[in-house]
Amino acid sequence: MNLPQTYDAKSNPSITKPEQCGKVCLGDCSCTAYSISISLDTGNQSCITWSGDLVDLRSYSNEGLDLYGRRKAKQD
């Protein structure tokens, strides 16, 4: 995936594993998606979380990053 625009994103540079990043997202009720981003300048990884609508998403077949989205719980 091409990651969404970053104006609604929060960076957590100390978190570098998807499992940890997912826990951060689940702990924030406004979080709608998360990913591990790789800096083009340094090659360092960091957790990025988004809130609100995901804008400018593009799917690539052979490249890009994994984007994990949250679903709302089913209400009975």
C-alpha atoms as a PDB file:
ATOM      1  CA  MET A   1       0.000   0.000   0.000  1.00  0.00           C
ATOM      2  CA  ASN A   2       0.888   3.603  -0.409  1.00  0.00           C
ATOM      3  CA  LEU A   3       0.302   4.966   3.076  1.00  0.00           C
ATOM      4  CA  PRO A   4      -2.426   7.596   3.610  1.00  0.00           C
ATOM      5  CA  GLN A   5      -1.732  11.299   3.870  1.00  0.00           C
ATOM      6  CA  THR A   6      -0.027  12.083   7.155  1.00  0.00           C
ATOM      7  CA  TYR A   7      -1.953  15.106   8.472  1.00  0.00           C
ATOM      8  CA  ASP A   8      -3.992  12.790  10.741  1.00  0.00           C
ATOM      9  CA  ALA A   9      -1.001  10.579  11.583  1.00  0.00           C
ATOM     10  CA  LYS A  10       0.952  10.166  14.805  1.00  0.00           C
ATOM     11  CA  SER A  11       4.502   8.831  14.742  1.00  0.00           C
ATOM     12  CA  ASN A  12       5.890   6.574  17.469  1.00  0.00           C
ATOM     13  CA  PRO A  13       9.589   6.152  16.561  1.00  0.00           C
ATOM     14  CA  SER A  14      10.371   3.966  19.579  1.00  0.00           C
ATOM     15  CA  ILE A  15       7.936   1.282  18.341  1.00  0.00           C
ATOM     16  CA  THR A  16       9.223  -0.800  15.423  1.00  0.00           C
ATOM     17  CA  LYS A  17       7.150  -4.021  15.444  1.00  0.00           C
ATOM     18  CA  PRO A  18       3.637  -4.366  13.952  1.00  0.00           C
ATOM     19  CA  GLU A  19       2.341  -6.201  17.043  1.00  0.00           C
ATOM     20  CA  GLN A  20       3.412  -3.347  19.330  1.00  0.00           C
ATOM     21  CA  CYS A  21       2.030  -0.754  16.921  1.00  0.00           C
ATOM     22  CA  GLY A  22      -1.304  -2.615  16.844  1.00  0.00           C
ATOM     23  CA  LYS A  23      -1.519  -2.424  20.641  1.00  0.00           C
ATOM     24  CA  VAL A  24      -0.934   1.334  20.475  1.00  0.00           C
ATOM     25  CA  CYS A  25      -3.750   1.669  17.937  1.00  0.00           C
ATOM     26  CA  LEU A  26      -6.139  -0.511  19.951  1.00  0.00           C
ATOM     27  CA  GLY A  27      -5.432   1.639  23.008  1.00  0.00           C
ATOM     28  CA  ASP A  28      -6.570   4.781  21.173  1.00  0.00           C
ATOM     29  CA  CYS A  29     -10.302   4.789  20.375  1.00  0.00           C
ATOM     30  CA  SER A  30      -9.804   7.365  17.604  1.00  0.00           C
ATOM     31  CA  CYS A  31      -7.210   5.210  15.773  1.00  0.00           C
ATOM     32  CA  THR A  32      -8.483   3.889  12.429  1.00  0.00           C
ATOM     33  CA  ALA A  33      -5.292   2.317  11.022  1.00  0.00           C
ATOM     34  CA  TYR A  34      -1.608   1.696  11.690  1.00  0.00           C
ATOM     35  CA  SER A  35       1.564   0.700   9.864  1.00  0.00           C
ATOM     36  CA  ILE A  36       5.300   0.388  10.297  1.00  0.00           C
ATOM     37  CA  SER A  37       6.882   3.083   8.160  1.00  0.00           C
ATOM     38  CA  ILE A  38      10.458   3.059   6.895  1.00  0.00           C
ATOM     39  CA  SER A  39      12.318   6.371   6.597  1.00  0.00           C
ATOM     40  CA  LEU A  40      13.789   6.895   3.130  1.00  0.00           C
ATOM     41  CA  ASP A  41      16.582   9.023   4.642  1.00  0.00           C
ATOM     42  CA  THR A  42      17.746   6.794   7.501  1.00  0.00           C
ATOM     43  CA  GLY A  43      16.119   3.396   6.894  1.00  0.00           C
ATOM     44  CA  ASN A  44      14.761   3.498  10.469  1.00  0.00           C
ATOM     45  CA  GLN A  45      11.353   1.988  11.171  1.00  0.00           C
ATOM     46  CA  SER A  46       8.602   3.573  13.263  1.00  0.00           C
ATOM     47  CA  CYS A  47       4.956   3.021  14.138  1.00  0.00           C
ATOM     48  CA  ILE A  48       2.504   5.371  12.436  1.00  0.00           C
ATOM     49  CA  THR A  49      -1.150   5.552  13.523  1.00  0.00           C
ATOM     50  CA  TRP A  50      -4.011   7.402  11.830  1.00  0.00           C
ATOM     51  CA  SER A  51      -7.309   8.767  13.076  1.00  0.00           C
ATOM     52  CA  GLY A  52     -10.220   9.831  10.941  1.00  0.00           C
ATOM     53  CA  ASP A  53     -10.655   9.086   7.255  1.00  0.00           C
ATOM     54  CA  LEU A  54      -7.831   7.446   5.312  1.00  0.00           C
ATOM     55  CA  VAL A  55      -7.096   9.663   2.311  1.00  0.00           C
ATOM     56  CA  ASP A  56      -5.035   8.920  -0.821  1.00  0.00           C
ATOM     57  CA  LEU A  57      -4.741   5.136  -0.460  1.00  0.00           C
ATOM     58  CA  ARG A  58      -3.248   3.192  -3.356  1.00  0.00           C
ATOM     59  CA  SER A  59      -2.629  -0.519  -3.610  1.00  0.00           C
ATOM     60  CA  TYR A  60       0.495  -1.844  -5.333  1.00  0.00           C
ATOM     61  CA  SER A  61       0.931  -5.486  -6.305  1.00  0.00           C
ATOM     62  CA  ASN A  62       4.703  -5.772  -5.833  1.00  0.00           C
ATOM     63  CA  GLU A  63       5.744  -2.977  -3.482  1.00  0.00           C
ATOM     64  CA  GLY A  64       4.558  -0.723  -0.711  1.00  0.00           C
ATOM     65  CA  LEU A  65       3.932  -1.203   3.004  1.00  0.00           C
ATOM     66  CA  ASP A  66       1.378  -3.153   5.020  1.00  0.00           C
ATOM     67  CA  LEU A  67      -1.494  -1.054   6.344  1.00  0.00           C
ATOM     68  CA  TYR A  68      -3.656  -2.477   9.137  1.00  0.00           C
ATOM     69  CA  GLY A  69      -7.156  -1.043   9.545  1.00  0.00           C
ATOM     70  CA  ARG A  70      -9.515  -1.281  12.508  1.00  0.00           C
ATOM     71  CA  ARG A  71     -13.084  -2.394  12.188  1.00  0.00           C
ATOM     72  CA  LYS A  72     -15.880  -1.244  14.405  1.00  0.00           C
ATOM     73  CA  ALA A  73     -17.284  -3.812  16.803  1.00  0.00           C
ATOM     74  CA  LYS A  74     -20.605  -5.335  15.842  1.00  0.00           C
ATOM     75  CA  GLN A  75     -23.438  -3.880  17.890  1.00  0.00           C
ATOM     76  CA  ASP A  76     -26.277  -6.273  18.811  1.00  0.00           C
END
